[in-house]
N, C-alpha and C. Protein backbone atom coordinates (compact mmCIF):
# COMPACT_ATOMS: atom_id res chain seq x y z
N MET A 1 11.90 -5.25 3.95
CA MET A 1 11.32 -5.28 2.62
C MET A 1 10.06 -6.14 2.62
N ILE A 2 9.00 -5.67 1.95
CA ILE A 2 7.75 -6.41 1.88
C ILE A 2 7.87 -7.52 0.85
N PRO A 3 7.55 -8.79 1.23
CA PRO A 3 7.63 -9.92 0.29
C PRO A 3 6.48 -9.85 -0.71
N VAL A 4 6.69 -9.20 -1.84
CA VAL A 4 5.63 -8.96 -2.81
C VAL A 4 5.00 -10.26 -3.29
N GLY A 5 5.82 -11.28 -3.53
CA GLY A 5 5.31 -12.56 -4.01
C GLY A 5 4.33 -13.17 -3.02
N GLU A 6 4.66 -13.12 -1.74
CA GLU A 6 3.78 -13.68 -0.72
C GLU A 6 2.48 -12.89 -0.62
N VAL A 7 2.57 -11.57 -0.77
CA VAL A 7 1.38 -10.74 -0.72
C VAL A 7 0.44 -11.09 -1.87
N LYS A 8 0.99 -11.30 -3.05
CA LYS A 8 0.18 -11.65 -4.22
C LYS A 8 -0.46 -13.02 -4.03
N GLU A 9 0.30 -13.96 -3.49
CA GLU A 9 -0.25 -15.31 -3.24
C GLU A 9 -1.39 -15.25 -2.23
N HIS A 10 -1.24 -14.39 -1.22
CA HIS A 10 -2.29 -14.24 -0.22
C HIS A 10 -3.57 -13.71 -0.88
N ALA A 11 -3.42 -12.81 -1.82
CA ALA A 11 -4.59 -12.26 -2.51
C ALA A 11 -5.32 -13.33 -3.30
N LYS A 12 -4.56 -14.31 -3.84
CA LYS A 12 -5.17 -15.39 -4.61
C LYS A 12 -5.92 -16.38 -3.73
N SER A 13 -5.65 -16.34 -2.42
CA SER A 13 -6.30 -17.29 -1.50
C SER A 13 -7.72 -16.87 -1.16
N ASP A 14 -8.20 -15.81 -1.78
CA ASP A 14 -9.56 -15.30 -1.61
C ASP A 14 -9.85 -14.90 -0.17
N PRO A 15 -9.07 -13.97 0.39
CA PRO A 15 -9.34 -13.48 1.74
C PRO A 15 -10.56 -12.56 1.73
N GLY A 16 -10.93 -12.02 2.87
CA GLY A 16 -12.08 -11.14 2.95
C GLY A 16 -11.88 -9.86 2.17
N CYS A 17 -12.97 -9.14 1.95
CA CYS A 17 -12.95 -7.92 1.14
C CYS A 17 -11.96 -6.89 1.68
N ASP A 18 -11.94 -6.70 3.00
CA ASP A 18 -11.05 -5.70 3.57
C ASP A 18 -9.59 -6.06 3.36
N GLU A 19 -9.28 -7.36 3.44
CA GLU A 19 -7.89 -7.79 3.22
C GLU A 19 -7.49 -7.62 1.76
N VAL A 20 -8.41 -7.94 0.85
CA VAL A 20 -8.11 -7.77 -0.58
C VAL A 20 -7.82 -6.30 -0.88
N LEU A 21 -8.61 -5.41 -0.27
CA LEU A 21 -8.41 -3.98 -0.49
C LEU A 21 -7.05 -3.54 0.05
N PHE A 22 -6.68 -4.03 1.23
CA PHE A 22 -5.39 -3.66 1.81
C PHE A 22 -4.25 -4.18 0.96
N VAL A 23 -4.38 -5.41 0.48
CA VAL A 23 -3.36 -5.99 -0.39
C VAL A 23 -3.23 -5.17 -1.67
N ALA A 24 -4.37 -4.84 -2.28
CA ALA A 24 -4.35 -4.07 -3.53
C ALA A 24 -3.71 -2.70 -3.33
N ALA A 25 -4.06 -2.04 -2.21
CA ALA A 25 -3.49 -0.72 -1.93
C ALA A 25 -1.99 -0.81 -1.68
N THR A 26 -1.59 -1.85 -0.94
CA THR A 26 -0.16 -2.03 -0.65
C THR A 26 0.62 -2.27 -1.93
N LEU A 27 0.12 -3.17 -2.78
CA LEU A 27 0.81 -3.46 -4.04
C LEU A 27 0.80 -2.24 -4.97
N HIS A 28 -0.27 -1.46 -4.92
CA HIS A 28 -0.35 -0.25 -5.74
C HIS A 28 0.74 0.75 -5.34
N ILE A 29 0.91 0.90 -4.03
CA ILE A 29 1.95 1.81 -3.53
C ILE A 29 3.33 1.33 -3.99
N LEU A 30 3.52 0.00 -4.02
CA LEU A 30 4.79 -0.58 -4.44
C LEU A 30 4.91 -0.68 -5.95
N ARG A 31 3.85 -0.26 -6.65
CA ARG A 31 3.80 -0.34 -8.12
C ARG A 31 3.94 -1.77 -8.60
N GLU A 32 3.32 -2.69 -7.84
CA GLU A 32 3.37 -4.10 -8.17
C GLU A 32 1.98 -4.67 -8.43
N SER A 33 0.96 -3.84 -8.30
CA SER A 33 -0.40 -4.33 -8.39
C SER A 33 -0.83 -4.53 -9.84
N GLY A 34 -1.90 -5.30 -10.00
CA GLY A 34 -2.49 -5.51 -11.32
C GLY A 34 -3.92 -5.02 -11.31
N LEU A 35 -4.46 -4.74 -12.48
CA LEU A 35 -5.80 -4.19 -12.59
C LEU A 35 -6.85 -5.13 -12.02
N ALA A 36 -6.66 -6.44 -12.21
CA ALA A 36 -7.66 -7.42 -11.77
C ALA A 36 -7.88 -7.37 -10.26
N ILE A 37 -6.81 -7.38 -9.50
CA ILE A 37 -6.95 -7.37 -8.04
C ILE A 37 -7.51 -6.03 -7.55
N GLU A 38 -7.13 -4.94 -8.21
CA GLU A 38 -7.65 -3.64 -7.82
C GLU A 38 -9.15 -3.55 -8.10
N GLU A 39 -9.58 -4.07 -9.25
CA GLU A 39 -11.00 -4.06 -9.59
C GLU A 39 -11.79 -4.95 -8.62
N LYS A 40 -11.23 -6.09 -8.27
CA LYS A 40 -11.90 -7.00 -7.33
C LYS A 40 -12.04 -6.33 -5.97
N ALA A 41 -10.98 -5.71 -5.51
CA ALA A 41 -10.99 -5.04 -4.20
C ALA A 41 -11.99 -3.89 -4.19
N ALA A 42 -11.97 -3.07 -5.24
CA ALA A 42 -12.86 -1.92 -5.31
C ALA A 42 -14.32 -2.36 -5.40
N SER A 43 -14.59 -3.36 -6.21
CA SER A 43 -15.96 -3.82 -6.42
C SER A 43 -16.61 -4.28 -5.12
N CYS A 44 -15.94 -5.16 -4.38
CA CYS A 44 -16.55 -5.68 -3.16
C CYS A 44 -16.62 -4.60 -2.07
N THR A 45 -15.65 -3.70 -2.05
CA THR A 45 -15.65 -2.65 -1.03
C THR A 45 -16.76 -1.64 -1.28
N LEU A 46 -16.98 -1.28 -2.53
CA LEU A 46 -18.03 -0.33 -2.87
C LEU A 46 -19.41 -0.88 -2.54
N VAL A 47 -19.61 -2.17 -2.77
CA VAL A 47 -20.87 -2.82 -2.42
C VAL A 47 -21.07 -2.80 -0.90
N TRP A 48 -20.00 -3.13 -0.18
CA TRP A 48 -20.05 -3.14 1.29
C TRP A 48 -20.37 -1.75 1.83
N LEU A 49 -19.74 -0.73 1.30
CA LEU A 49 -19.99 0.64 1.76
C LEU A 49 -21.43 1.05 1.51
N LYS A 50 -21.96 0.73 0.35
CA LYS A 50 -23.34 1.10 0.02
C LYS A 50 -24.32 0.41 0.95
N GLU A 51 -24.04 -0.85 1.29
CA GLU A 51 -24.95 -1.62 2.14
C GLU A 51 -24.86 -1.21 3.60
N GLN A 52 -23.66 -0.94 4.09
CA GLN A 52 -23.44 -0.71 5.52
C GLN A 52 -23.50 0.75 5.93
N GLY A 53 -23.07 1.66 5.07
CA GLY A 53 -22.99 3.05 5.47
C GLY A 53 -21.93 3.24 6.55
N VAL A 54 -22.10 4.28 7.37
CA VAL A 54 -21.16 4.57 8.46
C VAL A 54 -21.87 4.34 9.79
N THR A 55 -21.33 3.45 10.61
CA THR A 55 -21.90 3.17 11.92
C THR A 55 -20.87 3.41 13.00
N LYS A 56 -21.32 3.40 14.24
CA LYS A 56 -20.38 3.54 15.35
C LYS A 56 -19.34 2.44 15.31
N ALA A 57 -19.76 1.24 14.91
CA ALA A 57 -18.86 0.09 14.92
C ALA A 57 -17.88 0.07 13.76
N ASN A 58 -18.24 0.68 12.62
CA ASN A 58 -17.37 0.54 11.45
C ASN A 58 -16.72 1.83 10.96
N ALA A 59 -16.92 2.94 11.69
CA ALA A 59 -16.43 4.24 11.21
C ALA A 59 -14.94 4.22 10.87
N GLU A 60 -14.15 3.59 11.73
CA GLU A 60 -12.71 3.55 11.48
C GLU A 60 -12.41 2.74 10.22
N GLY A 61 -13.05 1.59 10.07
CA GLY A 61 -12.84 0.76 8.89
C GLY A 61 -13.27 1.45 7.61
N VAL A 62 -14.37 2.20 7.69
CA VAL A 62 -14.84 2.94 6.52
C VAL A 62 -13.80 3.97 6.10
N GLU A 63 -13.24 4.66 7.08
CA GLU A 63 -12.23 5.68 6.76
C GLU A 63 -11.03 5.07 6.05
N PHE A 64 -10.53 3.93 6.57
CA PHE A 64 -9.41 3.26 5.91
C PHE A 64 -9.78 2.84 4.49
N SER A 65 -10.99 2.30 4.33
CA SER A 65 -11.43 1.84 3.02
C SER A 65 -11.50 2.99 2.02
N LEU A 66 -12.04 4.12 2.46
CA LEU A 66 -12.14 5.28 1.56
C LEU A 66 -10.76 5.78 1.14
N GLN A 67 -9.84 5.82 2.08
CA GLN A 67 -8.48 6.26 1.76
C GLN A 67 -7.84 5.36 0.72
N MET A 68 -8.04 4.05 0.87
CA MET A 68 -7.44 3.10 -0.07
C MET A 68 -8.12 3.15 -1.43
N LEU A 69 -9.45 3.31 -1.44
CA LEU A 69 -10.15 3.43 -2.72
C LEU A 69 -9.68 4.66 -3.48
N GLU A 70 -9.49 5.76 -2.76
CA GLU A 70 -9.00 6.98 -3.41
C GLU A 70 -7.60 6.78 -3.97
N ARG A 71 -6.77 6.08 -3.22
CA ARG A 71 -5.40 5.82 -3.68
C ARG A 71 -5.41 4.95 -4.94
N LEU A 72 -6.38 4.06 -5.03
CA LEU A 72 -6.48 3.17 -6.18
C LEU A 72 -7.17 3.84 -7.37
N GLY A 73 -7.70 5.06 -7.17
CA GLY A 73 -8.32 5.79 -8.26
C GLY A 73 -9.82 5.62 -8.39
N TYR A 74 -10.48 5.20 -7.32
CA TYR A 74 -11.92 4.96 -7.37
C TYR A 74 -12.71 6.00 -6.58
N ALA A 75 -12.17 7.17 -6.37
CA ALA A 75 -12.85 8.20 -5.58
C ALA A 75 -14.22 8.56 -6.15
N ASP A 76 -14.32 8.62 -7.47
CA ASP A 76 -15.59 9.03 -8.10
C ASP A 76 -16.66 7.96 -8.00
N ASP A 77 -16.28 6.75 -7.63
CA ASP A 77 -17.25 5.64 -7.54
C ASP A 77 -17.81 5.45 -6.14
N ILE A 78 -17.28 6.19 -5.17
CA ILE A 78 -17.74 6.03 -3.78
C ILE A 78 -19.17 6.56 -3.66
N PRO A 79 -20.09 5.73 -3.17
CA PRO A 79 -21.49 6.16 -3.07
C PRO A 79 -21.73 7.04 -1.85
N PRO A 80 -22.81 7.83 -1.83
CA PRO A 80 -23.16 8.58 -0.61
C PRO A 80 -23.42 7.59 0.51
N LEU A 81 -22.92 7.90 1.69
CA LEU A 81 -23.02 6.97 2.82
C LEU A 81 -23.97 7.50 3.89
N GLN A 82 -24.86 6.66 4.34
CA GLN A 82 -25.78 7.02 5.42
C GLN A 82 -25.09 6.82 6.75
N ALA A 83 -25.07 7.85 7.59
CA ALA A 83 -24.41 7.78 8.89
C ALA A 83 -25.41 7.42 9.98
N GLU A 84 -25.01 6.50 10.84
CA GLU A 84 -25.82 6.14 12.00
C GLU A 84 -25.75 7.28 13.02
N LEU A 85 -26.88 7.67 13.55
CA LEU A 85 -26.94 8.74 14.55
C LEU A 85 -27.13 8.10 15.92
N PHE A 86 -26.03 7.72 16.53
CA PHE A 86 -26.06 6.99 17.79
C PHE A 86 -25.95 7.92 18.99
N GLU A 87 -26.33 7.41 20.15
CA GLU A 87 -26.24 8.18 21.38
C GLU A 87 -24.80 8.15 21.90
N VAL A 88 -24.28 9.29 22.30
CA VAL A 88 -22.92 9.38 22.83
C VAL A 88 -22.97 9.33 24.35
N LYS A 89 -22.45 8.23 24.89
CA LYS A 89 -22.52 8.00 26.33
C LYS A 89 -21.17 8.10 27.03
N ASN A 90 -20.08 7.95 26.28
CA ASN A 90 -18.76 7.91 26.90
C ASN A 90 -17.69 8.39 25.93
N ARG A 91 -16.46 8.31 26.37
CA ARG A 91 -15.33 8.79 25.57
C ARG A 91 -15.20 8.03 24.26
N ALA A 92 -15.40 6.71 24.30
CA ALA A 92 -15.29 5.92 23.08
C ALA A 92 -16.35 6.33 22.07
N ASP A 93 -17.56 6.58 22.55
CA ASP A 93 -18.63 7.03 21.67
C ASP A 93 -18.30 8.39 21.05
N ARG A 94 -17.71 9.27 21.86
CA ARG A 94 -17.33 10.59 21.35
C ARG A 94 -16.30 10.45 20.23
N TYR A 95 -15.35 9.55 20.41
CA TYR A 95 -14.34 9.30 19.38
C TYR A 95 -15.00 8.82 18.09
N HIS A 96 -15.97 7.89 18.19
CA HIS A 96 -16.66 7.40 17.01
C HIS A 96 -17.50 8.50 16.36
N ALA A 97 -18.03 9.40 17.18
CA ALA A 97 -18.77 10.54 16.62
C ALA A 97 -17.83 11.43 15.81
N TRP A 98 -16.64 11.68 16.34
CA TRP A 98 -15.65 12.47 15.60
C TRP A 98 -15.27 11.77 14.30
N GLN A 99 -15.07 10.46 14.37
CA GLN A 99 -14.74 9.71 13.15
C GLN A 99 -15.84 9.86 12.11
N THR A 100 -17.08 9.80 12.57
CA THR A 100 -18.22 9.92 11.65
C THR A 100 -18.25 11.30 11.01
N ILE A 101 -18.12 12.35 11.81
CA ILE A 101 -18.15 13.72 11.28
C ILE A 101 -16.96 13.99 10.37
N ALA A 102 -15.83 13.36 10.65
CA ALA A 102 -14.66 13.52 9.78
C ALA A 102 -14.93 13.01 8.37
N LEU A 103 -15.95 12.16 8.23
CA LEU A 103 -16.32 11.61 6.93
C LEU A 103 -17.43 12.43 6.26
N SER A 104 -17.67 13.63 6.76
CA SER A 104 -18.77 14.49 6.26
C SER A 104 -18.87 14.60 4.74
N PRO A 105 -17.77 14.74 4.01
CA PRO A 105 -17.89 14.89 2.56
C PRO A 105 -18.57 13.70 1.87
N TYR A 106 -18.60 12.56 2.55
CA TYR A 106 -19.17 11.36 1.94
C TYR A 106 -20.58 11.05 2.45
N LEU A 107 -21.06 11.79 3.44
CA LEU A 107 -22.33 11.45 4.08
C LEU A 107 -23.54 11.98 3.32
N SER A 108 -24.53 11.12 3.15
CA SER A 108 -25.76 11.55 2.50
C SER A 108 -26.63 12.36 3.46
N ASN A 109 -26.42 12.17 4.77
CA ASN A 109 -27.18 12.91 5.79
C ASN A 109 -26.24 13.77 6.63
N GLU A 110 -25.35 14.49 5.94
CA GLU A 110 -24.32 15.29 6.62
C GLU A 110 -24.92 16.32 7.57
N GLU A 111 -25.90 17.09 7.12
CA GLU A 111 -26.47 18.14 7.97
C GLU A 111 -27.12 17.54 9.20
N GLU A 112 -27.84 16.43 9.03
CA GLU A 112 -28.48 15.76 10.15
C GLU A 112 -27.45 15.24 11.14
N ALA A 113 -26.35 14.68 10.61
CA ALA A 113 -25.29 14.15 11.47
C ALA A 113 -24.60 15.28 12.24
N ARG A 114 -24.34 16.39 11.57
CA ARG A 114 -23.69 17.51 12.24
C ARG A 114 -24.59 18.09 13.34
N SER A 115 -25.88 18.11 13.10
CA SER A 115 -26.82 18.60 14.11
C SER A 115 -26.88 17.63 15.29
N HIS A 116 -26.92 16.34 14.98
CA HIS A 116 -27.01 15.32 16.03
C HIS A 116 -25.76 15.32 16.91
N PHE A 117 -24.58 15.48 16.30
CA PHE A 117 -23.32 15.44 17.03
C PHE A 117 -22.76 16.84 17.31
N LYS A 118 -23.64 17.81 17.39
CA LYS A 118 -23.23 19.21 17.58
C LYS A 118 -22.37 19.37 18.84
N LYS A 119 -22.76 18.74 19.93
CA LYS A 119 -22.01 18.85 21.19
C LYS A 119 -20.60 18.27 21.03
N GLN A 120 -20.48 17.12 20.36
CA GLN A 120 -19.18 16.49 20.18
C GLN A 120 -18.28 17.31 19.25
N ILE A 121 -18.89 17.97 18.26
CA ILE A 121 -18.10 18.84 17.37
C ILE A 121 -17.51 19.99 18.17
N SER A 122 -18.32 20.58 19.07
CA SER A 122 -17.82 21.69 19.88
C SER A 122 -16.76 21.23 20.87
N GLU A 123 -16.81 19.97 21.28
CA GLU A 123 -15.84 19.44 22.23
C GLU A 123 -14.49 19.13 21.59
N ALA A 124 -14.46 19.00 20.27
CA ALA A 124 -13.23 18.62 19.59
C ALA A 124 -12.12 19.66 19.80
N GLY A 125 -12.46 20.94 19.69
CA GLY A 125 -11.47 21.99 19.89
C GLY A 125 -10.95 22.01 21.31
N ASP A 126 -11.85 21.84 22.28
CA ASP A 126 -11.43 21.82 23.69
C ASP A 126 -10.51 20.64 23.96
N PHE A 127 -10.82 19.51 23.33
CA PHE A 127 -9.97 18.32 23.50
C PHE A 127 -8.56 18.59 22.99
N LEU A 128 -8.45 19.16 21.80
CA LEU A 128 -7.14 19.43 21.22
C LEU A 128 -6.35 20.41 22.08
N ASP A 129 -7.04 21.40 22.63
CA ASP A 129 -6.37 22.37 23.50
C ASP A 129 -5.85 21.74 24.78
N SER A 130 -6.44 20.60 25.17
CA SER A 130 -6.05 19.93 26.42
C SER A 130 -4.93 18.92 26.23
N VAL A 131 -4.60 18.60 24.97
CA VAL A 131 -3.58 17.57 24.70
C VAL A 131 -2.20 18.07 25.11
N SER A 132 -1.49 17.24 25.86
CA SER A 132 -0.11 17.53 26.26
C SER A 132 0.60 16.21 26.48
N VAL A 133 1.88 16.28 26.77
CA VAL A 133 2.64 15.05 26.99
C VAL A 133 2.24 14.37 28.30
N GLU A 134 1.41 15.01 29.09
CA GLU A 134 0.90 14.40 30.32
C GLU A 134 -0.48 13.78 30.12
N SER A 135 -1.11 14.01 28.96
CA SER A 135 -2.47 13.52 28.75
C SER A 135 -2.47 12.08 28.25
N ASP A 136 -3.63 11.45 28.36
CA ASP A 136 -3.75 10.06 27.92
C ASP A 136 -4.46 9.97 26.57
N ALA A 137 -4.28 10.97 25.73
CA ALA A 137 -4.91 11.00 24.42
C ALA A 137 -4.41 9.84 23.56
N SER A 138 -5.23 9.44 22.59
CA SER A 138 -4.80 8.44 21.61
C SER A 138 -4.59 9.13 20.27
N LEU A 139 -3.77 8.52 19.43
CA LEU A 139 -3.50 9.10 18.11
C LEU A 139 -4.79 9.20 17.31
N GLY A 140 -5.64 8.18 17.41
CA GLY A 140 -6.91 8.20 16.69
C GLY A 140 -7.76 9.38 17.10
N GLU A 141 -7.83 9.66 18.40
CA GLU A 141 -8.62 10.79 18.89
C GLU A 141 -8.06 12.11 18.38
N VAL A 142 -6.75 12.27 18.44
CA VAL A 142 -6.12 13.52 18.00
C VAL A 142 -6.38 13.77 16.52
N VAL A 143 -6.23 12.71 15.71
CA VAL A 143 -6.46 12.85 14.28
C VAL A 143 -7.93 13.16 13.98
N ALA A 144 -8.84 12.41 14.60
CA ALA A 144 -10.27 12.61 14.34
C ALA A 144 -10.73 14.00 14.78
N ALA A 145 -10.30 14.43 15.97
CA ALA A 145 -10.68 15.76 16.45
C ALA A 145 -10.12 16.85 15.54
N SER A 146 -8.90 16.67 15.06
CA SER A 146 -8.28 17.65 14.17
C SER A 146 -9.05 17.78 12.86
N ARG A 147 -9.56 16.68 12.36
CA ARG A 147 -10.33 16.70 11.11
C ARG A 147 -11.69 17.35 11.31
N VAL A 148 -12.22 17.26 12.53
CA VAL A 148 -13.53 17.85 12.81
C VAL A 148 -13.44 19.37 12.89
N VAL A 149 -12.42 19.89 13.58
CA VAL A 149 -12.34 21.34 13.77
C VAL A 149 -11.68 22.05 12.59
N GLU A 150 -10.91 21.33 11.79
CA GLU A 150 -10.29 21.88 10.58
C GLU A 150 -9.52 23.17 10.87
N ARG A 151 -8.63 23.11 11.83
CA ARG A 151 -7.81 24.29 12.16
C ARG A 151 -6.62 24.41 11.22
N ASP A 152 -6.08 25.61 11.14
CA ASP A 152 -4.83 25.81 10.43
C ASP A 152 -3.69 25.61 11.43
N GLY A 153 -3.09 24.45 11.41
CA GLY A 153 -2.00 24.16 12.33
C GLY A 153 -2.49 23.56 13.63
N ASN A 154 -1.58 22.95 14.35
CA ASN A 154 -1.88 22.29 15.62
C ASN A 154 -1.53 23.19 16.80
N PRO A 155 -2.28 23.05 17.91
CA PRO A 155 -1.86 23.73 19.14
C PRO A 155 -0.49 23.21 19.55
N GLU A 156 0.26 24.00 20.30
CA GLU A 156 1.61 23.60 20.70
C GLU A 156 1.63 22.28 21.45
N GLY A 157 0.59 22.05 22.29
CA GLY A 157 0.53 20.80 23.03
C GLY A 157 0.41 19.60 22.12
N VAL A 158 -0.36 19.73 21.06
CA VAL A 158 -0.52 18.64 20.10
C VAL A 158 0.79 18.40 19.35
N LYS A 159 1.46 19.48 18.97
CA LYS A 159 2.75 19.33 18.26
C LYS A 159 3.76 18.57 19.13
N GLU A 160 3.83 18.93 20.39
CA GLU A 160 4.76 18.27 21.29
C GLU A 160 4.36 16.81 21.49
N TRP A 161 3.07 16.57 21.64
CA TRP A 161 2.56 15.21 21.84
C TRP A 161 2.88 14.33 20.63
N LEU A 162 2.65 14.87 19.43
CA LEU A 162 2.94 14.12 18.21
C LEU A 162 4.42 13.78 18.10
N GLY A 163 5.27 14.70 18.53
CA GLY A 163 6.70 14.43 18.51
C GLY A 163 7.08 13.30 19.44
N GLN A 164 6.38 13.19 20.56
CA GLN A 164 6.67 12.14 21.54
C GLN A 164 6.11 10.78 21.13
N VAL A 165 5.00 10.78 20.40
CA VAL A 165 4.36 9.52 20.02
C VAL A 165 5.00 8.93 18.76
N ARG A 166 5.89 9.69 18.14
CA ARG A 166 6.54 9.25 16.91
C ARG A 166 7.86 8.54 17.21
N GLY A 167 8.08 7.43 16.51
CA GLY A 167 9.35 6.73 16.59
C GLY A 167 9.38 5.58 17.59
N CYS A 168 9.96 4.48 17.15
CA CYS A 168 10.17 3.31 18.01
C CYS A 168 11.58 2.80 17.76
N GLY A 169 12.43 2.89 18.76
CA GLY A 169 13.82 2.48 18.58
C GLY A 169 14.49 3.36 17.55
N GLU A 170 15.13 2.73 16.58
CA GLU A 170 15.84 3.48 15.54
C GLU A 170 14.93 3.87 14.39
N VAL A 171 13.72 3.36 14.40
CA VAL A 171 12.78 3.67 13.31
C VAL A 171 11.95 4.89 13.70
N LYS A 172 12.28 6.03 13.15
CA LYS A 172 11.64 7.29 13.55
C LYS A 172 10.38 7.60 12.77
N ALA A 173 10.10 6.86 11.67
CA ALA A 173 8.96 7.19 10.83
C ALA A 173 7.66 6.56 11.30
N LEU A 174 7.73 5.65 12.27
CA LEU A 174 6.53 4.96 12.74
C LEU A 174 5.89 5.68 13.92
N TYR A 175 4.62 5.36 14.17
CA TYR A 175 3.87 5.99 15.26
C TYR A 175 3.26 4.94 16.17
N ARG A 176 3.18 5.28 17.46
CA ARG A 176 2.51 4.42 18.44
C ARG A 176 1.13 5.00 18.72
N PRO A 177 0.16 4.17 19.16
CA PRO A 177 -1.20 4.66 19.38
C PRO A 177 -1.35 5.64 20.54
N THR A 178 -0.54 5.48 21.59
CA THR A 178 -0.56 6.38 22.75
C THR A 178 0.87 6.52 23.26
N LEU A 179 1.09 7.49 24.14
CA LEU A 179 2.43 7.67 24.69
C LEU A 179 2.87 6.48 25.52
N SER A 180 1.92 5.79 26.14
CA SER A 180 2.26 4.67 27.01
C SER A 180 2.31 3.33 26.28
N ALA A 181 1.97 3.31 24.98
CA ALA A 181 1.98 2.05 24.23
C ALA A 181 3.40 1.52 24.10
N PRO A 182 3.58 0.20 24.20
CA PRO A 182 4.92 -0.38 24.15
C PRO A 182 5.59 -0.33 22.79
N GLY A 183 4.81 -0.19 21.73
CA GLY A 183 5.42 -0.18 20.40
C GLY A 183 4.57 0.53 19.38
N CYS A 184 5.14 0.70 18.19
CA CYS A 184 4.45 1.35 17.09
C CYS A 184 3.66 0.32 16.27
N THR A 185 2.68 0.80 15.52
CA THR A 185 1.89 -0.09 14.67
C THR A 185 1.77 0.51 13.28
N LEU A 186 1.60 -0.37 12.28
CA LEU A 186 1.41 0.11 10.91
C LEU A 186 0.09 0.84 10.78
N LYS A 187 -0.93 0.38 11.50
CA LYS A 187 -2.25 1.01 11.44
C LYS A 187 -2.17 2.46 11.91
N ASP A 188 -1.51 2.69 13.05
CA ASP A 188 -1.41 4.05 13.56
C ASP A 188 -0.47 4.90 12.72
N THR A 189 0.54 4.29 12.14
CA THR A 189 1.44 5.02 11.24
C THR A 189 0.68 5.48 10.00
N TRP A 190 -0.14 4.58 9.45
CA TRP A 190 -0.98 4.95 8.29
C TRP A 190 -1.90 6.10 8.66
N THR A 191 -2.55 5.98 9.83
CA THR A 191 -3.48 7.02 10.30
C THR A 191 -2.77 8.36 10.41
N ALA A 192 -1.58 8.35 10.98
CA ALA A 192 -0.82 9.58 11.17
C ALA A 192 -0.41 10.21 9.83
N LEU A 193 0.12 9.40 8.95
CA LEU A 193 0.63 9.91 7.68
C LEU A 193 -0.49 10.41 6.78
N MET A 194 -1.63 9.72 6.79
CA MET A 194 -2.76 10.11 5.95
C MET A 194 -3.51 11.31 6.49
N SER A 195 -3.29 11.63 7.77
CA SER A 195 -4.05 12.70 8.42
C SER A 195 -3.66 14.09 7.94
N GLY A 196 -2.40 14.26 7.57
CA GLY A 196 -1.93 15.57 7.15
C GLY A 196 -1.55 16.48 8.32
N ILE A 197 -1.67 15.99 9.56
CA ILE A 197 -1.35 16.84 10.72
C ILE A 197 0.04 16.54 11.29
N THR A 198 0.70 15.51 10.77
CA THR A 198 2.00 15.13 11.30
C THR A 198 3.11 15.72 10.43
N PRO A 199 4.25 16.00 11.03
CA PRO A 199 5.37 16.56 10.25
C PRO A 199 5.92 15.52 9.29
N PRO A 200 6.52 15.94 8.18
CA PRO A 200 7.07 14.98 7.20
C PRO A 200 8.26 14.24 7.77
């Protein structure tokens, strides 16, 4: 059980903007939140998003922030976001490119970003087709690639992989970041559940 009292006290300690947003979203889900903390979280996050846009370094954080803002009811207040058009040199860069393109509905330079990352968009489908229980894919990569190609349903390899990456001990609802990871994380569980590609 989540200690609601402790979570509320933590919010009063004036943590960073991202923590306030996470606290507000958590309390909102538990129906324990108040308007003041939600407004505070949304206000500072919206300012941060407008100033920073989407970069290679913050794409994942931006995605989490947008999901939480939408859950709190601030979807209409999200500003258009400028995406950084970075050079893709390795697998990690490709993953960040997928994360950026997955945010296309929010990008002010969507067409430019899609043109810049055209090669990575075409690689997303090939990546998903290659996923199997023998691959070293990460949950973040699978989710991001799936959002880029927007397929109806997952390839069989992805379905099997998702089944293997789900569950830790007796807790079957949690997800681990990779098949070789020693345990599950709340971050990856959130990513999986919010993605819409995992079974209920």
